[in-house]
Amino acid sequence: QICHERGVLLHTDATQAFGKIQIDVLDLGVDFLSASG
């Protein structure tokens, strides 16, 4: 929210979270999200 209020795009590195805790990209509001197999 802070990023978008300032016109900044947000990428989050979810490698350590993906598949381990619940992730909802819509709820997070991120523009980009990446993870590793």
PDB file of all heavy atoms in Angstrom:
ATOM      1  N   GLN A   1       0.832  -1.208   0.000  1.00  0.00           N
ATOM      2  CA  GLN A   1       0.000   0.000   0.000  1.00  0.00           C
ATOM      3  C   GLN A   1       0.861   1.249   0.000  1.00  0.00           C
ATOM      4  O   GLN A   1       0.600   2.206  -0.740  1.00  0.00           O
ATOM      5  CB  GLN A   1      -0.936   0.000   1.219  1.00  0.00           C
ATOM      6  CG  GLN A   1      -1.868   1.206   1.263  1.00  0.00           C
ATOM      7  CD  GLN A   1      -2.805   1.160   2.451  1.00  0.00           C
ATOM      8  OE1 GLN A   1      -2.881   0.156   3.157  1.00  0.00           O
ATOM      9  NE2 GLN A   1      -3.521   2.244   2.681  1.00  0.00           N
ATOM     10  N   ILE A   2       1.909   1.239   0.812  1.00  0.00           N
ATOM     11  CA  ILE A   2       2.827   2.383   0.861  1.00  0.00           C
ATOM     12  C   ILE A   2       3.475   2.600  -0.508  1.00  0.00           C
ATOM     13  O   ILE A   2       3.587   3.731  -0.992  1.00  0.00           O
ATOM     14  CB  ILE A   2       3.907   2.160   1.940  1.00  0.00           C
ATOM     15  CG1 ILE A   2       3.273   2.192   3.339  1.00  0.00           C
ATOM     16  CG2 ILE A   2       5.011   3.214   1.837  1.00  0.00           C
ATOM     17  CD1 ILE A   2       4.225   1.762   4.445  1.00  0.00           C
ATOM     18  N   CYS A   3       3.900   1.495  -1.140  1.00  0.00           N
ATOM     19  CA  CYS A   3       4.542   1.595  -2.458  1.00  0.00           C
ATOM     20  C   CYS A   3       3.578   2.172  -3.491  1.00  0.00           C
ATOM     21  O   CYS A   3       3.929   3.077  -4.260  1.00  0.00           O
ATOM     22  CB  CYS A   3       5.027   0.220  -2.913  1.00  0.00           C
ATOM     23  SG  CYS A   3       6.433  -0.426  -1.985  1.00  0.00           S
ATOM     24  N   HIS A   4       2.374   1.645  -3.532  1.00  0.00           N
ATOM     25  CA  HIS A   4       1.419   2.051  -4.553  1.00  0.00           C
ATOM     26  C   HIS A   4       0.933   3.480  -4.356  1.00  0.00           C
ATOM     27  O   HIS A   4       0.624   4.170  -5.342  1.00  0.00           O
ATOM     28  CB  HIS A   4       0.242   1.079  -4.574  1.00  0.00           C
ATOM     29  CG  HIS A   4       0.626  -0.294  -4.995  1.00  0.00           C
ATOM     30  ND1 HIS A   4      -0.056  -1.429  -4.622  1.00  0.00           N
ATOM     31  CD2 HIS A   4       1.663  -0.730  -5.766  1.00  0.00           C
ATOM     32  CE1 HIS A   4       0.520  -2.487  -5.151  1.00  0.00           C
ATOM     33  NE2 HIS A   4       1.572  -2.094  -5.850  1.00  0.00           N
ATOM     34  N   GLU A   5       0.896   3.950  -3.125  1.00  0.00           N
ATOM     35  CA  GLU A   5       0.530   5.345  -2.876  1.00  0.00           C
ATOM     36  C   GLU A   5       1.559   6.301  -3.468  1.00  0.00           C
ATOM     37  O   GLU A   5       1.253   7.457  -3.754  1.00  0.00           O
ATOM     38  CB  GLU A   5       0.401   5.590  -1.374  1.00  0.00           C
ATOM     39  CG  GLU A   5      -0.853   4.977  -0.759  1.00  0.00           C
ATOM     40  CD  GLU A   5      -0.880   5.114   0.759  1.00  0.00           C
ATOM     41  OE1 GLU A   5       0.158   5.548   1.325  1.00  0.00           O
ATOM     42  OE2 GLU A   5      -1.909   4.784   1.371  1.00  0.00           O
ATOM     43  N   ARG A   6       2.780   5.784  -3.671  1.00  0.00           N
ATOM     44  CA  ARG A   6       3.871   6.595  -4.208  1.00  0.00           C
ATOM     45  C   ARG A   6       4.235   6.215  -5.629  1.00  0.00           C
ATOM     46  O   ARG A   6       5.269   6.619  -6.156  1.00  0.00           O
ATOM     47  CB  ARG A   6       5.087   6.480  -3.290  1.00  0.00           C
ATOM     48  CG  ARG A   6       4.876   7.166  -1.948  1.00  0.00           C
ATOM     49  CD  ARG A   6       5.814   6.632  -0.872  1.00  0.00           C
ATOM     50  NE  ARG A   6       5.657   7.364   0.373  1.00  0.00           N
ATOM     51  CZ  ARG A   6       4.655   7.175   1.238  1.00  0.00           C
ATOM     52  NH1 ARG A   6       3.720   6.281   0.964  1.00  0.00           N
ATOM     53  NH2 ARG A   6       4.587   7.884   2.360  1.00  0.00           N
ATOM     54  N   GLY A   7       3.396   5.386  -6.256  1.00  0.00           N
ATOM     55  CA  GLY A   7       3.635   4.995  -7.633  1.00  0.00           C
ATOM     56  C   GLY A   7       4.791   4.043  -7.820  1.00  0.00           C
ATOM     57  O   GLY A   7       5.398   3.998  -8.899  1.00  0.00           O
ATOM     58  N   VAL A   8       5.121   3.267  -6.785  1.00  0.00           N
ATOM     59  CA  VAL A   8       6.251   2.335  -6.833  1.00  0.00           C
ATOM     60  C   VAL A   8       5.730   0.907  -6.983  1.00  0.00           C
ATOM     61  O   VAL A   8       4.802   0.500  -6.288  1.00  0.00           O
ATOM     62  CB  VAL A   8       7.094   2.437  -5.542  1.00  0.00           C
ATOM     63  CG1 VAL A   8       8.209   1.392  -5.547  1.00  0.00           C
ATOM     64  CG2 VAL A   8       7.664   3.831  -5.398  1.00  0.00           C
ATOM     65  N   LEU A   9       6.318   0.150  -7.901  1.00  0.00           N
ATOM     66  CA  LEU A   9       5.957  -1.250  -8.069  1.00  0.00           C
ATOM     67  C   LEU A   9       6.718  -2.098  -7.052  1.00  0.00           C
ATOM     68  O   LEU A   9       7.867  -1.810  -6.726  1.00  0.00           O
ATOM     69  CB  LEU A   9       6.290  -1.719  -9.487  1.00  0.00           C
ATOM     70  CG  LEU A   9       5.580  -0.973 -10.626  1.00  0.00           C
ATOM     71  CD1 LEU A   9       6.005  -1.540 -11.970  1.00  0.00           C
ATOM     72  CD2 LEU A   9       4.067  -1.048 -10.461  1.00  0.00           C
ATOM     73  N   LEU A  10       6.057  -3.164  -6.567  1.00  0.00           N
ATOM     74  CA  LEU A  10       6.642  -3.990  -5.514  1.00  0.00           C
ATOM     75  C   LEU A  10       6.841  -5.432  -5.978  1.00  0.00           C
ATOM     76  O   LEU A  10       5.902  -6.081  -6.444  1.00  0.00           O
ATOM     77  CB  LEU A  10       5.740  -3.978  -4.274  1.00  0.00           C
ATOM     78  CG  LEU A  10       6.181  -4.892  -3.118  1.00  0.00           C
ATOM     79  CD1 LEU A  10       7.523  -4.448  -2.546  1.00  0.00           C
ATOM     80  CD2 LEU A  10       5.119  -4.931  -2.026  1.00  0.00           C
ATOM     81  N   HIS A  11       8.070  -5.904  -5.851  1.00  0.00           N
ATOM     82  CA  HIS A  11       8.388  -7.316  -6.069  1.00  0.00           C
ATOM     83  C   HIS A  11       8.741  -7.937  -4.726  1.00  0.00           C
ATOM     84  O   HIS A  11       9.468  -7.340  -3.938  1.00  0.00           O
ATOM     85  CB  HIS A  11       9.575  -7.490  -7.024  1.00  0.00           C
ATOM     86  CG  HIS A  11      10.165  -8.877  -6.964  1.00  0.00           C
ATOM     87  ND1 HIS A  11      11.298  -9.180  -6.236  1.00  0.00           N
ATOM     88  CD2 HIS A  11       9.753 -10.053  -7.523  1.00  0.00           C
ATOM     89  CE1 HIS A  11      11.567 -10.462  -6.362  1.00  0.00           C
ATOM     90  NE2 HIS A  11      10.653 -11.017  -7.132  1.00  0.00           N
ATOM     91  N   THR A  12       8.216  -9.112  -4.454  1.00  0.00           N
ATOM     92  CA  THR A  12       8.595  -9.819  -3.233  1.00  0.00           C
ATOM     93  C   THR A  12       9.199 -11.172  -3.578  1.00  0.00           C
ATOM     94  O   THR A  12       8.677 -11.903  -4.428  1.00  0.00           O
ATOM     95  CB  THR A  12       7.400 -10.000  -2.275  1.00  0.00           C
ATOM     96  OG1 THR A  12       7.864 -10.607  -1.065  1.00  0.00           O
ATOM     97  CG2 THR A  12       6.321 -10.884  -2.872  1.00  0.00           C
ATOM     98  N   ASP A  13      10.325 -11.476  -2.954  1.00  0.00           N
ATOM     99  CA  ASP A  13      10.979 -12.769  -3.111  1.00  0.00           C
ATOM    100  C   ASP A  13      10.342 -13.718  -2.102  1.00  0.00           C
ATOM    101  O   ASP A  13      10.620 -13.635  -0.904  1.00  0.00           O
ATOM    102  CB  ASP A  13      12.475 -12.623  -2.851  1.00  0.00           C
ATOM    103  CG  ASP A  13      13.221 -13.945  -2.938  1.00  0.00           C
ATOM    104  OD1 ASP A  13      12.556 -14.988  -3.107  1.00  0.00           O
ATOM    105  OD2 ASP A  13      14.456 -13.944  -2.827  1.00  0.00           O
ATOM    106  N   ALA A  14       9.483 -14.589  -2.579  1.00  0.00           N
ATOM    107  CA  ALA A  14       8.730 -15.489  -1.695  1.00  0.00           C
ATOM    108  C   ALA A  14       9.329 -16.889  -1.635  1.00  0.00           C
ATOM    109  O   ALA A  14       8.652 -17.843  -1.245  1.00  0.00           O
ATOM    110  CB  ALA A  14       7.280 -15.567  -2.152  1.00  0.00           C
ATOM    111  N   THR A  15      10.590 -17.018  -1.992  1.00  0.00           N
ATOM    112  CA  THR A  15      11.213 -18.338  -2.070  1.00  0.00           C
ATOM    113  C   THR A  15      11.116 -19.112  -0.765  1.00  0.00           C
ATOM    114  O   THR A  15      10.868 -20.317  -0.768  1.00  0.00           O
ATOM    115  CB  THR A  15      12.688 -18.203  -2.498  1.00  0.00           C
ATOM    116  OG1 THR A  15      12.737 -17.700  -3.837  1.00  0.00           O
ATOM    117  CG2 THR A  15      13.398 -19.537  -2.452  1.00  0.00           C
ATOM    118  N   GLN A  16      11.320 -18.442   0.370  1.00  0.00           N
ATOM    119  CA  GLN A  16      11.296 -19.149   1.647  1.00  0.00           C
ATOM    120  C   GLN A  16       9.888 -19.304   2.200  1.00  0.00           C
ATOM    121  O   GLN A  16       9.691 -19.941   3.221  1.00  0.00           O
ATOM    122  CB  GLN A  16      12.177 -18.411   2.666  1.00  0.00           C
ATOM    123  CG  GLN A  16      13.656 -18.428   2.335  1.00  0.00           C
ATOM    124  CD  GLN A  16      14.302 -19.790   2.539  1.00  0.00           C
ATOM    125  OE1 GLN A  16      13.629 -20.796   2.713  1.00  0.00           O
ATOM    126  NE2 GLN A  16      15.620 -19.830   2.508  1.00  0.00           N
ATOM    127  N   ALA A  17       8.901 -18.704   1.560  1.00  0.00           N
ATOM    128  CA  ALA A  17       7.518 -18.782   2.047  1.00  0.00           C
ATOM    129  C   ALA A  17       6.646 -19.675   1.173  1.00  0.00           C
ATOM    130  O   ALA A  17       5.727 -20.336   1.664  1.00  0.00           O
ATOM    131  CB  ALA A  17       6.911 -17.380   2.116  1.00  0.00           C
ATOM    132  N   PHE A  18       6.939 -19.707  -0.111  1.00  0.00           N
ATOM    133  CA  PHE A  18       6.113 -20.446  -1.074  1.00  0.00           C
ATOM    134  C   PHE A  18       6.048 -21.928  -0.716  1.00  0.00           C
ATOM    135  O   PHE A  18       7.069 -22.589  -0.513  1.00  0.00           O
ATOM    136  CB  PHE A  18       6.690 -20.273  -2.479  1.00  0.00           C
ATOM    137  CG  PHE A  18       5.900 -20.959  -3.549  1.00  0.00           C
ATOM    138  CD1 PHE A  18       4.706 -20.425  -4.000  1.00  0.00           C
ATOM    139  CD2 PHE A  18       6.337 -22.159  -4.101  1.00  0.00           C
ATOM    140  CE1 PHE A  18       3.967 -21.061  -4.991  1.00  0.00           C
ATOM    141  CE2 PHE A  18       5.613 -22.798  -5.087  1.00  0.00           C
ATOM    142  CZ  PHE A  18       4.418 -22.249  -5.528  1.00  0.00           C
ATOM    143  N   GLY A  19       4.838 -22.458  -0.604  1.00  0.00           N
ATOM    144  CA  GLY A  19       4.645 -23.865  -0.291  1.00  0.00           C
ATOM    145  C   GLY A  19       4.776 -24.195   1.183  1.00  0.00           C
ATOM    146  O   GLY A  19       4.622 -25.353   1.578  1.00  0.00           O
ATOM    147  N   LYS A  20       5.052 -23.182   2.005  1.00  0.00           N
ATOM    148  CA  LYS A  20       5.258 -23.413   3.444  1.00  0.00           C
ATOM    149  C   LYS A  20       4.227 -22.675   4.294  1.00  0.00           C
ATOM    150  O   LYS A  20       3.836 -23.141   5.358  1.00  0.00           O
ATOM    151  CB  LYS A  20       6.669 -22.997   3.835  1.00  0.00           C
ATOM    152  CG  LYS A  20       7.750 -23.769   3.070  1.00  0.00           C
ATOM    153  CD  LYS A  20       9.118 -23.197   3.315  1.00  0.00           C
ATOM    154  CE  LYS A  20      10.161 -23.917   2.457  1.00  0.00           C
ATOM    155  NZ  LYS A  20      11.505 -23.316   2.598  1.00  0.00           N
ATOM    156  N   ILE A  21       3.832 -21.491   3.839  1.00  0.00           N
ATOM    157  CA  ILE A  21       2.760 -20.748   4.482  1.00  0.00           C
ATOM    158  C   ILE A  21       1.814 -20.260   3.386  1.00  0.00           C
ATOM    159  O   ILE A  21       2.184 -20.215   2.212  1.00  0.00           O
ATOM    160  CB  ILE A  21       3.278 -19.548   5.310  1.00  0.00           C
ATOM    161  CG1 ILE A  21       4.025 -18.553   4.409  1.00  0.00           C
ATOM    162  CG2 ILE A  21       4.177 -20.021   6.453  1.00  0.00           C
ATOM    163  CD1 ILE A  21       4.467 -17.293   5.130  1.00  0.00           C
ATOM    164  N   GLN A  22       0.610 -19.898   3.779  1.00  0.00           N
ATOM    165  CA  GLN A  22      -0.377 -19.459   2.798  1.00  0.00           C
ATOM    166  C   GLN A  22       0.053 -18.140   2.146  1.00  0.00           C
ATOM    167  O   GLN A  22       0.472 -17.211   2.833  1.00  0.00           O
ATOM    168  CB  GLN A  22      -1.733 -19.261   3.484  1.00  0.00           C
ATOM    169  CG  GLN A  22      -2.373 -20.560   3.965  1.00  0.00           C
ATOM    170  CD  GLN A  22      -2.822 -21.443   2.818  1.00  0.00           C
ATOM    171  OE1 GLN A  22      -2.984 -21.002   1.678  1.00  0.00           O
ATOM    172  NE2 GLN A  22      -3.024 -22.724   3.121  1.00  0.00           N
ATOM    173  N   ILE A  23      -0.041 -18.088   0.828  1.00  0.00           N
ATOM    174  CA  ILE A  23       0.294 -16.875   0.077  1.00  0.00           C
ATOM    175  C   ILE A  23      -0.854 -16.567  -0.879  1.00  0.00           C
ATOM    176  O   ILE A  23      -1.283 -17.435  -1.636  1.00  0.00           O
ATOM    177  CB  ILE A  23       1.597 -17.049  -0.738  1.00  0.00           C
ATOM    178  CG1 ILE A  23       2.793 -17.242   0.187  1.00  0.00           C
ATOM    179  CG2 ILE A  23       1.836 -15.847  -1.647  1.00  0.00           C
ATOM    180  CD1 ILE A  23       4.091 -17.499  -0.554  1.00  0.00           C
ATOM    181  N   ASP A  24      -1.334 -15.346  -0.839  1.00  0.00           N
ATOM    182  CA  ASP A  24      -2.373 -14.888  -1.748  1.00  0.00           C
ATOM    183  C   ASP A  24      -1.889 -13.582  -2.370  1.00  0.00           C
ATOM    184  O   ASP A  24      -1.827 -12.561  -1.692  1.00  0.00           O
ATOM    185  CB  ASP A  24      -3.690 -14.668  -0.992  1.00  0.00           C
ATOM    186  CG  ASP A  24      -4.856 -14.324  -1.921  1.00  0.00           C
ATOM    187  OD1 ASP A  24      -4.615 -13.700  -2.966  1.00  0.00           O
ATOM    188  OD2 ASP A  24      -6.008 -14.666  -1.588  1.00  0.00           O
ATOM    189  N   VAL A  25      -1.529 -13.623  -3.645  1.00  0.00           N
ATOM    190  CA  VAL A  25      -0.945 -12.441  -4.278  1.00  0.00           C
ATOM    191  C   VAL A  25      -1.925 -11.273  -4.311  1.00  0.00           C
ATOM    192  O   VAL A  25      -1.527 -10.106  -4.270  1.00  0.00           O
ATOM    193  CB  VAL A  25      -0.452 -12.753  -5.709  1.00  0.00           C
ATOM    194  CG1 VAL A  25       0.750 -13.694  -5.659  1.00  0.00           C
ATOM    195  CG2 VAL A  25      -1.569 -13.357  -6.556  1.00  0.00           C
ATOM    196  N   LEU A  26      -3.215 -11.580  -4.384  1.00  0.00           N
ATOM    197  CA  LEU A  26      -4.211 -10.502  -4.392  1.00  0.00           C
ATOM    198  C   LEU A  26      -4.300  -9.854  -3.018  1.00  0.00           C
ATOM    199  O   LEU A  26      -4.401  -8.629  -2.894  1.00  0.00           O
ATOM    200  CB  LEU A  26      -5.572 -11.048  -4.817  1.00  0.00           C
ATOM    201  CG  LEU A  26      -5.640 -11.641  -6.223  1.00  0.00           C
ATOM    202  CD1 LEU A  26      -7.052 -12.148  -6.516  1.00  0.00           C
ATOM    203  CD2 LEU A  26      -5.212 -10.616  -7.269  1.00  0.00           C
ATOM    204  N   ASP A  27      -4.259 -10.676  -1.979  1.00  0.00           N
ATOM    205  CA  ASP A  27      -4.300 -10.146  -0.624  1.00  0.00           C
ATOM    206  C   ASP A  27      -3.042  -9.345  -0.306  1.00  0.00           C
ATOM    207  O   ASP A  27      -3.097  -8.301   0.346  1.00  0.00           O
ATOM    208  CB  ASP A  27      -4.470 -11.292   0.380  1.00  0.00           C
ATOM    209  CG  ASP A  27      -4.540 -10.800   1.818  1.00  0.00           C
ATOM    210  OD1 ASP A  27      -5.422  -9.973   2.109  1.00  0.00           O
ATOM    211  OD2 ASP A  27      -3.719 -11.223   2.637  1.00  0.00           O
ATOM    212  N   LEU A  28      -1.890  -9.829  -0.782  1.00  0.00           N
ATOM    213  CA  LEU A  28      -0.625  -9.118  -0.544  1.00  0.00           C
ATOM    214  C   LEU A  28      -0.550  -7.822  -1.333  1.00  0.00           C
ATOM    215  O   LEU A  28       0.104  -6.865  -0.911  1.00  0.00           O
ATOM    216  CB  LEU A  28       0.559 -10.014  -0.924  1.00  0.00           C
ATOM    217  CG  LEU A  28       0.816 -11.236  -0.041  1.00  0.00           C
ATOM    218  CD1 LEU A  28       1.931 -12.084  -0.645  1.00  0.00           C
ATOM    219  CD2 LEU A  28       1.176 -10.817   1.367  1.00  0.00           C
ATOM    220  N   GLY A  29      -1.190  -7.806  -2.496  1.00  0.00           N
ATOM    221  CA  GLY A  29      -1.166  -6.604  -3.320  1.00  0.00           C
ATOM    222  C   GLY A  29       0.141  -6.378  -4.047  1.00  0.00           C
ATOM    223  O   GLY A  29       0.416  -5.263  -4.498  1.00  0.00           O
ATOM    224  N   VAL A  30       0.955  -7.428  -4.191  1.00  0.00           N
ATOM    225  CA  VAL A  30       2.254  -7.282  -4.849  1.00  0.00           C
ATOM    226  C   VAL A  30       2.075  -7.216  -6.365  1.00  0.00           C
ATOM    227  O   VAL A  30       1.108  -7.735  -6.914  1.00  0.00           O
ATOM    228  CB  VAL A  30       3.204  -8.433  -4.481  1.00  0.00           C
ATOM    229  CG1 VAL A  30       3.504  -8.420  -2.998  1.00  0.00           C
ATOM    230  CG2 VAL A  30       2.614  -9.784  -4.890  1.00  0.00           C
ATOM    231  N   ASP A  31       3.033  -6.567  -7.028  1.00  0.00           N
ATOM    232  CA  ASP A  31       3.019  -6.497  -8.487  1.00  0.00           C
ATOM    233  C   ASP A  31       3.759  -7.679  -9.103  1.00  0.00           C
ATOM    234  O   ASP A  31       3.419  -8.134 -10.192  1.00  0.00           O
ATOM    235  CB  ASP A  31       3.657  -5.184  -8.938  1.00  0.00           C
ATOM    236  CG  ASP A  31       2.916  -3.986  -8.385  1.00  0.00           C
ATOM    237  OD1 ASP A  31       1.798  -3.716  -8.843  1.00  0.00           O
ATOM    238  OD2 ASP A  31       3.459  -3.323  -7.472  1.00  0.00           O
ATOM    239  N   PHE A  32       4.793  -8.140  -8.403  1.00  0.00           N
ATOM    240  CA  PHE A  32       5.585  -9.276  -8.859  1.00  0.00           C
ATOM    241  C   PHE A  32       5.872 -10.169  -7.655  1.00  0.00           C
ATOM    242  O   PHE A  32       6.054  -9.676  -6.539  1.00  0.00           O
ATOM    243  CB  PHE A  32       6.921  -8.824  -9.474  1.00  0.00           C
ATOM    244  CG  PHE A  32       6.792  -7.782 -10.536  1.00  0.00           C
ATOM    245  CD1 PHE A  32       6.857  -6.432 -10.201  1.00  0.00           C
ATOM    246  CD2 PHE A  32       6.616  -8.133 -11.862  1.00  0.00           C
ATOM    247  CE1 PHE A  32       6.744  -5.448 -11.181  1.00  0.00           C
ATOM    248  CE2 PHE A  32       6.498  -7.158 -12.847  1.00  0.00           C
ATOM    249  CZ  PHE A  32       6.564  -5.820 -12.504  1.00  0.00           C
ATOM    250  N   LEU A  33       5.960 -11.480  -7.894  1.00  0.00           N
ATOM    251  CA  LEU A  33       6.325 -12.420  -6.830  1.00  0.00           C
ATOM    252  C   LEU A  33       7.062 -13.589  -7.464  1.00  0.00           C
ATOM    253  O   LEU A  33       6.651 -14.110  -8.503  1.00  0.00           O
ATOM    254  CB  LEU A  33       5.080 -12.917  -6.090  1.00  0.00           C
ATOM    255  CG  LEU A  33       5.306 -13.880  -4.933  1.00  0.00           C
ATOM    256  CD1 LEU A  33       4.324 -13.612  -3.791  1.00  0.00           C
ATOM    257  CD2 LEU A  33       5.177 -15.343  -5.399  1.00  0.00           C
ATOM    258  N   SER A  34       8.163 -13.986  -6.848  1.00  0.00           N
ATOM    259  CA  SER A  34       8.957 -15.085  -7.402  1.00  0.00           C
ATOM    260  C   SER A  34       9.243 -16.136  -6.339  1.00  0.00           C
ATOM    261  O   SER A  34       9.246 -15.849  -5.140  1.00  0.00           O
ATOM    262  CB  SER A  34      10.279 -14.552  -7.981  1.00  0.00           C
ATOM    263  OG  SER A  34      11.007 -13.837  -6.991  1.00  0.00           O
ATOM    264  N   ALA A  35       9.486 -17.369  -6.791  1.00  0.00           N
ATOM    265  CA  ALA A  35       9.810 -18.475  -5.893  1.00  0.00           C
ATOM    266  C   ALA A  35      10.560 -19.544  -6.670  1.00  0.00           C
ATOM    267  O   ALA A  35      10.522 -19.562  -7.905  1.00  0.00           O
ATOM    268  CB  ALA A  35       8.549 -19.062  -5.264  1.00  0.00           C
ATOM    269  N   SER A  36      11.250 -20.433  -5.950  1.00  0.00           N
ATOM    270  CA  SER A  36      12.076 -21.469  -6.567  1.00  0.00           C
ATOM    271  C   SER A  36      11.536 -22.853  -6.257  1.00  0.00           C
ATOM    272  O   SER A  36      11.007 -23.101  -5.165  1.00  0.00           O
ATOM    273  CB  SER A  36      13.524 -21.367  -6.066  1.00  0.00           C
ATOM    274  OG  SER A  36      14.092 -20.133  -6.429  1.00  0.00           O
ATOM    275  N   GLY A  37      11.713 -23.775  -7.215  1.00  0.00           N
ATOM    276  CA  GLY A  37      11.200 -25.130  -7.063  1.00  0.00           C
ATOM    277  C   GLY A  37      11.928 -25.948  -6.020  1.00  0.00           C
ATOM    278  O   GLY A  37      11.315 -26.735  -5.296  1.00  0.00           O
TER     279      GLY A  37
END
